[in-house]
C-alpha cells in the first residue's frame, strides 16, 4: 500500500511526503500558481514514465538483455470523446497519455518491440486503464 501525506502551504503549492522523500506540486503562473513544482498532471505523467522505465528494466534484467538506459517522454491531453475513435464513450472528454520510448543498449528490433509491449503492463499503466475508486474523508 502506498501512502502520501500532503499539505497546502501557499496558494496552490502542496508539499508531499511519504515519510522518506518529499516533493512539491504547484500550478504554473498562468494558472495562478508560482510554478515551484510539478503540476498534478505532470506528476501523473512522471509516475507513468517511472513505472514504465522500471518495468522495462526489471524485464530486461530477467532476460539478461543489454538495456543500458532508456529515455521516455510522457505527455497528457484531454480531447472530446467524439474526436477520437479510441474512446468508448461518445460524450464528455477522455484523457490521452502519449508515451514515447527510446531504448539504449545492444538490443535487436524484436527486443525493443518486446520492451515496448512490456511497458504497457506496468502497474501505473494498468491502474490508469482500470476502474478506480477514490474515498475522500476528513482527518
N, C-alpha and C. Protein backbone atom coordinates (compact mmCIF):
# COMPACT_ATOMS: atom_id res chain seq x y z
N UNK A 1 0.84 -1.18 0.00
CA UNK A 1 0.00 0.00 0.00
C UNK A 1 0.88 1.24 0.00
N UNK A 2 0.57 2.17 -0.87
CA UNK A 2 1.31 3.43 -0.95
C UNK A 2 0.54 4.50 -0.20
N UNK A 3 1.28 5.41 0.42
CA UNK A 3 0.64 6.49 1.16
C UNK A 3 1.47 7.76 1.05
N UNK A 4 0.80 8.85 0.71
CA UNK A 4 1.44 10.16 0.61
C UNK A 4 0.66 11.13 1.50
N UNK A 5 1.36 11.91 2.26
CA UNK A 5 0.74 12.97 3.05
C UNK A 5 1.06 14.30 2.38
N UNK A 6 0.03 15.13 2.20
CA UNK A 6 0.23 16.41 1.56
C UNK A 6 -0.25 17.55 2.45
N UNK A 7 0.34 18.71 2.22
CA UNK A 7 -0.05 19.90 2.97
C UNK A 7 -0.03 21.10 2.03
N UNK A 8 -1.18 21.78 1.94
CA UNK A 8 -1.26 23.02 1.18
C UNK A 8 -0.53 24.09 1.99
N UNK A 9 0.54 24.66 1.43
CA UNK A 9 1.35 25.61 2.20
C UNK A 9 1.21 27.06 1.74
N UNK A 10 0.92 27.27 0.48
CA UNK A 10 0.76 28.63 -0.03
C UNK A 10 0.04 28.57 -1.38
N UNK A 11 -1.03 29.34 -1.48
CA UNK A 11 -1.81 29.39 -2.72
C UNK A 11 -2.06 27.98 -3.21
N UNK A 12 -1.37 27.53 -4.29
CA UNK A 12 -1.57 26.19 -4.83
C UNK A 12 -0.39 25.25 -4.55
N UNK A 13 0.61 25.73 -3.81
CA UNK A 13 1.77 24.90 -3.50
C UNK A 13 1.40 23.84 -2.47
N UNK A 14 1.74 22.59 -2.81
CA UNK A 14 1.46 21.47 -1.91
C UNK A 14 2.78 20.72 -1.69
N UNK A 15 3.16 20.54 -0.44
CA UNK A 15 4.31 19.71 -0.14
C UNK A 15 3.79 18.31 0.17
N UNK A 16 4.48 17.32 -0.34
CA UNK A 16 4.06 15.94 -0.15
C UNK A 16 5.23 15.10 0.33
N UNK A 17 4.91 14.12 1.17
CA UNK A 17 5.95 13.26 1.71
C UNK A 17 5.39 11.86 1.93
N UNK A 18 6.27 10.89 1.74
CA UNK A 18 5.92 9.52 2.08
C UNK A 18 6.65 9.09 3.36
N UNK A 19 7.25 10.05 4.06
CA UNK A 19 8.00 9.77 5.27
C UNK A 19 9.49 9.64 5.02
N UNK A 20 9.88 9.39 3.76
CA UNK A 20 11.29 9.24 3.40
C UNK A 20 11.73 10.28 2.38
N UNK A 21 10.81 10.70 1.51
CA UNK A 21 11.12 11.63 0.43
C UNK A 21 10.05 12.70 0.37
N UNK A 22 10.43 13.88 -0.13
CA UNK A 22 9.47 14.98 -0.26
C UNK A 22 9.50 15.55 -1.67
N UNK A 23 8.35 16.04 -2.11
CA UNK A 23 8.23 16.72 -3.39
C UNK A 23 7.27 17.89 -3.24
N UNK A 24 7.33 18.79 -4.19
CA UNK A 24 6.42 19.95 -4.18
C UNK A 24 5.63 19.94 -5.47
N UNK A 25 4.34 20.19 -5.36
CA UNK A 25 3.48 20.36 -6.53
C UNK A 25 2.98 21.79 -6.52
N UNK A 26 2.70 22.31 -7.67
CA UNK A 26 2.20 23.68 -7.81
C UNK A 26 1.55 23.81 -9.17
N UNK A 27 0.85 24.89 -9.37
CA UNK A 27 0.30 25.21 -10.68
C UNK A 27 1.23 26.20 -11.35
N UNK A 28 1.26 26.23 -12.69
CA UNK A 28 2.08 27.23 -13.38
C UNK A 28 1.55 28.64 -13.12
N UNK A 29 2.36 29.63 -13.39
CA UNK A 29 1.98 31.01 -13.14
C UNK A 29 0.74 31.42 -13.93
N UNK A 30 0.59 30.92 -15.16
CA UNK A 30 -0.58 31.31 -15.95
C UNK A 30 -1.88 30.71 -15.42
N UNK A 31 -1.77 29.79 -14.46
CA UNK A 31 -2.95 29.21 -13.81
C UNK A 31 -3.11 29.74 -12.38
N UNK A 32 -2.30 30.75 -12.02
CA UNK A 32 -2.40 31.36 -10.70
C UNK A 32 -1.42 30.83 -9.67
N UNK A 33 -0.58 29.88 -10.05
CA UNK A 33 0.40 29.33 -9.12
C UNK A 33 1.72 30.07 -9.18
N UNK A 34 2.71 29.55 -8.49
CA UNK A 34 4.04 30.14 -8.51
C UNK A 34 5.04 29.28 -9.28
N UNK A 35 4.58 28.15 -9.83
CA UNK A 35 5.39 27.26 -10.67
C UNK A 35 6.66 26.78 -9.97
N UNK A 36 6.53 26.47 -8.67
CA UNK A 36 7.67 25.99 -7.89
C UNK A 36 7.84 24.48 -7.95
N UNK A 37 6.87 23.80 -8.52
CA UNK A 37 6.94 22.34 -8.61
C UNK A 37 6.11 21.82 -9.76
N UNK A 38 6.11 20.52 -9.90
CA UNK A 38 5.31 19.86 -10.94
C UNK A 38 3.83 20.13 -10.73
N UNK A 39 3.09 20.24 -11.83
CA UNK A 39 1.64 20.31 -11.76
C UNK A 39 1.08 18.91 -11.55
N UNK A 40 -0.18 18.80 -11.13
CA UNK A 40 -0.77 17.49 -10.87
C UNK A 40 -0.69 16.52 -12.05
N UNK A 41 -0.99 16.97 -13.25
CA UNK A 41 -0.92 16.06 -14.39
C UNK A 41 0.53 15.74 -14.75
N UNK A 42 1.45 16.66 -14.49
CA UNK A 42 2.87 16.37 -14.70
C UNK A 42 3.32 15.27 -13.75
N UNK A 43 2.84 15.30 -12.51
CA UNK A 43 3.17 14.24 -11.56
C UNK A 43 2.60 12.89 -12.03
N UNK A 44 1.41 12.93 -12.58
CA UNK A 44 0.81 11.70 -13.10
C UNK A 44 1.63 11.17 -14.28
N UNK A 45 2.05 12.04 -15.17
CA UNK A 45 2.90 11.64 -16.29
C UNK A 45 4.23 11.09 -15.78
N UNK A 46 4.79 11.73 -14.77
CA UNK A 46 6.05 11.26 -14.19
C UNK A 46 5.89 9.87 -13.58
N UNK A 47 4.78 9.63 -12.91
CA UNK A 47 4.52 8.31 -12.33
C UNK A 47 4.46 7.25 -13.42
N UNK A 48 3.76 7.57 -14.50
CA UNK A 48 3.65 6.61 -15.60
C UNK A 48 5.02 6.37 -16.24
N UNK A 49 5.78 7.42 -16.46
CA UNK A 49 7.11 7.28 -17.06
C UNK A 49 8.03 6.44 -16.18
N UNK A 50 8.05 6.73 -14.89
CA UNK A 50 8.91 5.99 -13.97
C UNK A 50 8.54 4.51 -13.94
N UNK A 51 7.25 4.24 -13.86
CA UNK A 51 6.80 2.86 -13.78
C UNK A 51 7.12 2.09 -15.06
N UNK A 52 6.91 2.70 -16.21
CA UNK A 52 7.23 2.04 -17.47
C UNK A 52 8.72 1.74 -17.55
N UNK A 53 9.56 2.70 -17.18
CA UNK A 53 11.02 2.50 -17.24
C UNK A 53 11.46 1.40 -16.28
N UNK A 54 10.93 1.41 -15.06
CA UNK A 54 11.31 0.38 -14.08
C UNK A 54 10.85 -1.00 -14.52
N UNK A 55 9.66 -1.08 -15.08
CA UNK A 55 9.14 -2.37 -15.55
C UNK A 55 10.00 -2.91 -16.69
N UNK A 56 10.39 -2.06 -17.62
CA UNK A 56 11.26 -2.49 -18.71
C UNK A 56 12.62 -2.95 -18.19
N UNK A 57 13.16 -2.21 -17.22
CA UNK A 57 14.46 -2.59 -16.66
C UNK A 57 14.38 -3.94 -15.96
N UNK A 58 13.33 -4.16 -15.18
CA UNK A 58 13.17 -5.45 -14.49
C UNK A 58 13.08 -6.60 -15.49
N UNK A 59 12.31 -6.39 -16.55
CA UNK A 59 12.15 -7.42 -17.57
C UNK A 59 13.49 -7.69 -18.27
N UNK A 60 14.19 -6.62 -18.65
CA UNK A 60 15.47 -6.79 -19.33
C UNK A 60 16.48 -7.52 -18.44
N UNK A 61 16.48 -7.22 -17.14
CA UNK A 61 17.39 -7.92 -16.22
C UNK A 61 17.07 -9.41 -16.18
N UNK A 62 15.78 -9.75 -16.10
CA UNK A 62 15.39 -11.17 -16.07
C UNK A 62 15.81 -11.89 -17.34
N UNK A 63 15.70 -11.21 -18.47
CA UNK A 63 16.06 -11.80 -19.76
C UNK A 63 17.55 -11.69 -20.06
N UNK A 64 18.28 -10.97 -19.19
CA UNK A 64 19.71 -10.72 -19.38
C UNK A 64 19.97 -9.98 -20.70
N UNK A 65 19.09 -9.02 -21.00
CA UNK A 65 19.25 -8.17 -22.17
C UNK A 65 20.07 -6.94 -21.80
N UNK A 66 20.73 -6.38 -22.77
CA UNK A 66 21.62 -5.24 -22.56
C UNK A 66 20.86 -3.90 -22.66
N UNK A 67 19.93 -3.67 -21.75
CA UNK A 67 19.24 -2.38 -21.68
C UNK A 67 20.08 -1.50 -20.76
N UNK A 68 20.86 -0.60 -21.36
CA UNK A 68 21.77 0.25 -20.58
C UNK A 68 21.06 1.46 -20.00
N UNK A 69 20.16 2.03 -20.77
CA UNK A 69 19.38 3.17 -20.29
C UNK A 69 18.15 3.30 -21.19
N UNK A 70 17.30 4.22 -20.81
CA UNK A 70 16.05 4.39 -21.55
C UNK A 70 15.61 5.84 -21.42
N UNK A 71 15.21 6.42 -22.52
CA UNK A 71 14.60 7.75 -22.49
C UNK A 71 13.11 7.56 -22.69
N UNK A 72 12.32 8.28 -21.91
CA UNK A 72 10.87 8.19 -22.03
C UNK A 72 10.27 9.57 -21.86
N UNK A 73 9.37 9.91 -22.75
CA UNK A 73 8.65 11.19 -22.68
C UNK A 73 7.16 10.87 -22.63
N UNK A 74 6.49 11.34 -21.59
CA UNK A 74 5.06 11.10 -21.44
C UNK A 74 4.36 12.45 -21.43
N UNK A 75 3.33 12.56 -22.24
CA UNK A 75 2.53 13.79 -22.26
C UNK A 75 1.06 13.42 -22.05
N UNK A 76 0.29 14.40 -21.63
CA UNK A 76 -1.12 14.20 -21.33
C UNK A 76 -1.93 15.27 -22.03
N UNK A 77 -3.10 14.88 -22.52
CA UNK A 77 -4.03 15.84 -23.10
C UNK A 77 -5.44 15.32 -22.91
N UNK A 78 -6.38 16.26 -22.93
CA UNK A 78 -7.80 15.92 -22.88
C UNK A 78 -8.40 16.26 -24.22
N UNK A 79 -9.21 15.35 -24.75
CA UNK A 79 -9.88 15.61 -26.01
C UNK A 79 -11.35 15.21 -25.87
N UNK A 80 -12.17 15.80 -26.69
CA UNK A 80 -13.58 15.41 -26.69
C UNK A 80 -13.68 13.95 -27.13
N UNK A 81 -14.48 13.20 -26.43
CA UNK A 81 -14.65 11.78 -26.76
C UNK A 81 -15.07 11.60 -28.21
N UNK A 82 -15.87 12.51 -28.72
CA UNK A 82 -16.36 12.42 -30.10
C UNK A 82 -15.25 12.65 -31.13
N UNK A 83 -14.09 13.15 -30.67
CA UNK A 83 -13.00 13.46 -31.60
C UNK A 83 -11.97 12.34 -31.74
N UNK A 84 -12.17 11.23 -31.03
CA UNK A 84 -11.23 10.13 -31.14
C UNK A 84 -11.98 8.81 -31.26
N UNK A 85 -11.55 8.00 -32.19
CA UNK A 85 -12.19 6.70 -32.41
C UNK A 85 -11.86 5.72 -31.29
N UNK A 86 -10.84 6.02 -30.50
CA UNK A 86 -10.43 5.13 -29.41
C UNK A 86 -11.35 5.19 -28.20
N UNK A 87 -12.12 6.27 -28.06
CA UNK A 87 -12.96 6.45 -26.88
C UNK A 87 -14.13 5.47 -26.88
N UNK A 88 -14.44 4.95 -25.69
CA UNK A 88 -15.58 4.07 -25.52
C UNK A 88 -16.86 4.90 -25.47
N UNK A 89 -16.81 5.99 -24.72
CA UNK A 89 -17.98 6.86 -24.62
C UNK A 89 -18.00 7.84 -25.78
N UNK A 90 -19.17 8.39 -26.03
CA UNK A 90 -19.31 9.35 -27.12
C UNK A 90 -19.43 10.78 -26.61
N UNK A 91 -19.66 10.93 -25.29
CA UNK A 91 -19.84 12.25 -24.70
C UNK A 91 -18.71 12.55 -23.73
N UNK A 92 -18.53 13.83 -23.45
CA UNK A 92 -17.53 14.24 -22.48
C UNK A 92 -16.13 14.22 -23.05
N UNK A 93 -15.16 14.15 -22.16
CA UNK A 93 -13.75 14.18 -22.54
C UNK A 93 -13.06 12.89 -22.14
N UNK A 94 -12.00 12.57 -22.85
CA UNK A 94 -11.15 11.44 -22.48
C UNK A 94 -9.73 11.96 -22.27
N UNK A 95 -9.01 11.28 -21.41
CA UNK A 95 -7.62 11.60 -21.15
C UNK A 95 -6.76 10.72 -22.03
N UNK A 96 -5.81 11.33 -22.72
CA UNK A 96 -4.89 10.58 -23.56
C UNK A 96 -3.48 10.83 -23.06
N UNK A 97 -2.76 9.74 -22.80
CA UNK A 97 -1.36 9.79 -22.42
C UNK A 97 -0.56 9.24 -23.60
N UNK A 98 0.42 10.00 -24.06
CA UNK A 98 1.31 9.54 -25.12
C UNK A 98 2.67 9.28 -24.49
N UNK A 99 3.17 8.06 -24.67
CA UNK A 99 4.47 7.68 -24.11
C UNK A 99 5.39 7.27 -25.26
N UNK A 100 6.46 8.01 -25.42
CA UNK A 100 7.47 7.70 -26.44
C UNK A 100 8.71 7.20 -25.72
N UNK A 101 9.23 6.07 -26.17
CA UNK A 101 10.37 5.45 -25.50
C UNK A 101 11.51 5.18 -26.46
N UNK A 102 12.71 5.36 -25.97
CA UNK A 102 13.91 5.03 -26.72
C UNK A 102 14.77 4.16 -25.82
N UNK A 103 15.11 2.98 -26.30
CA UNK A 103 15.89 2.01 -25.53
C UNK A 103 17.34 2.06 -26.00
N UNK A 104 18.27 2.15 -25.05
CA UNK A 104 19.70 2.23 -25.36
C UNK A 104 20.38 0.95 -24.89
N UNK A 105 21.21 0.41 -25.75
CA UNK A 105 21.95 -0.82 -25.45
C UNK A 105 22.00 -1.69 -26.68
N UNK A 106 22.65 -2.83 -26.54
CA UNK A 106 22.76 -3.78 -27.65
C UNK A 106 21.49 -4.61 -27.68
N UNK A 107 20.45 -4.06 -28.32
CA UNK A 107 19.15 -4.71 -28.42
C UNK A 107 18.74 -4.78 -29.87
N UNK A 108 18.19 -5.93 -30.28
CA UNK A 108 17.70 -6.02 -31.65
C UNK A 108 16.27 -5.49 -31.73
N UNK A 109 15.74 -5.41 -32.93
CA UNK A 109 14.40 -4.84 -33.14
C UNK A 109 13.33 -5.62 -32.38
N UNK A 110 13.44 -6.93 -32.35
CA UNK A 110 12.44 -7.75 -31.64
C UNK A 110 12.48 -7.47 -30.13
N UNK A 111 13.66 -7.31 -29.57
CA UNK A 111 13.78 -7.00 -28.14
C UNK A 111 13.19 -5.62 -27.83
N UNK A 112 13.45 -4.65 -28.68
CA UNK A 112 12.90 -3.32 -28.48
C UNK A 112 11.36 -3.34 -28.54
N UNK A 113 10.81 -4.07 -29.49
CA UNK A 113 9.35 -4.20 -29.60
C UNK A 113 8.77 -4.89 -28.36
N UNK A 114 9.49 -5.90 -27.88
CA UNK A 114 9.02 -6.61 -26.68
C UNK A 114 9.05 -5.69 -25.47
N UNK A 115 10.07 -4.87 -25.32
CA UNK A 115 10.14 -3.93 -24.21
C UNK A 115 9.00 -2.91 -24.30
N UNK A 116 8.69 -2.45 -25.51
CA UNK A 116 7.58 -1.54 -25.69
C UNK A 116 6.27 -2.19 -25.22
N UNK A 117 6.08 -3.45 -25.60
CA UNK A 117 4.89 -4.19 -25.18
C UNK A 117 4.87 -4.38 -23.66
N UNK A 118 6.00 -4.74 -23.09
CA UNK A 118 6.10 -4.96 -21.64
C UNK A 118 5.78 -3.68 -20.88
N UNK A 119 6.14 -2.53 -21.44
CA UNK A 119 5.87 -1.26 -20.75
C UNK A 119 4.39 -1.04 -20.51
N UNK A 120 3.54 -1.63 -21.35
CA UNK A 120 2.09 -1.46 -21.18
C UNK A 120 1.55 -2.30 -20.02
N UNK A 121 2.40 -3.14 -19.46
CA UNK A 121 1.99 -3.99 -18.34
C UNK A 121 2.42 -3.43 -16.98
N UNK A 122 3.01 -2.24 -16.99
CA UNK A 122 3.45 -1.68 -15.71
C UNK A 122 2.23 -1.38 -14.84
N UNK A 123 2.40 -1.43 -13.52
CA UNK A 123 1.26 -1.22 -12.62
C UNK A 123 0.54 0.11 -12.78
N UNK A 124 1.26 1.20 -13.03
CA UNK A 124 0.60 2.50 -13.17
C UNK A 124 -0.21 2.53 -14.47
N UNK A 125 0.33 2.00 -15.54
CA UNK A 125 -0.40 1.91 -16.81
C UNK A 125 -1.71 1.16 -16.59
N UNK A 126 -1.62 0.02 -15.93
CA UNK A 126 -2.83 -0.79 -15.67
C UNK A 126 -3.81 -0.04 -14.77
N UNK A 127 -3.31 0.66 -13.76
CA UNK A 127 -4.18 1.42 -12.87
C UNK A 127 -4.96 2.48 -13.65
N UNK A 128 -4.27 3.16 -14.55
CA UNK A 128 -4.94 4.21 -15.32
C UNK A 128 -6.02 3.64 -16.24
N UNK A 129 -5.87 2.40 -16.64
CA UNK A 129 -6.86 1.77 -17.51
C UNK A 129 -8.00 1.11 -16.73
N UNK A 130 -7.77 0.82 -15.46
CA UNK A 130 -8.78 0.15 -14.64
C UNK A 130 -9.80 1.13 -14.08
N UNK A 131 -10.90 0.58 -13.64
CA UNK A 131 -11.86 1.37 -12.88
C UNK A 131 -11.20 1.75 -11.56
N UNK A 132 -11.38 2.97 -11.15
CA UNK A 132 -10.75 3.47 -9.94
C UNK A 132 -11.80 3.98 -8.96
N UNK A 133 -11.59 3.68 -7.70
CA UNK A 133 -12.48 4.17 -6.64
C UNK A 133 -11.63 5.04 -5.71
N UNK A 134 -12.10 6.23 -5.42
CA UNK A 134 -11.40 7.14 -4.51
C UNK A 134 -12.32 7.48 -3.36
N UNK A 135 -11.88 7.19 -2.16
CA UNK A 135 -12.61 7.54 -0.95
C UNK A 135 -11.99 8.79 -0.36
N UNK A 136 -12.75 9.85 -0.18
CA UNK A 136 -12.28 11.09 0.44
C UNK A 136 -12.99 11.26 1.76
N UNK A 137 -12.25 11.60 2.82
CA UNK A 137 -12.86 11.78 4.13
C UNK A 137 -12.09 12.84 4.91
N UNK A 138 -12.65 13.26 6.02
CA UNK A 138 -11.99 14.22 6.90
C UNK A 138 -11.01 13.48 7.80
N UNK A 139 -9.91 14.13 8.17
CA UNK A 139 -8.92 13.56 9.09
C UNK A 139 -9.37 13.80 10.51
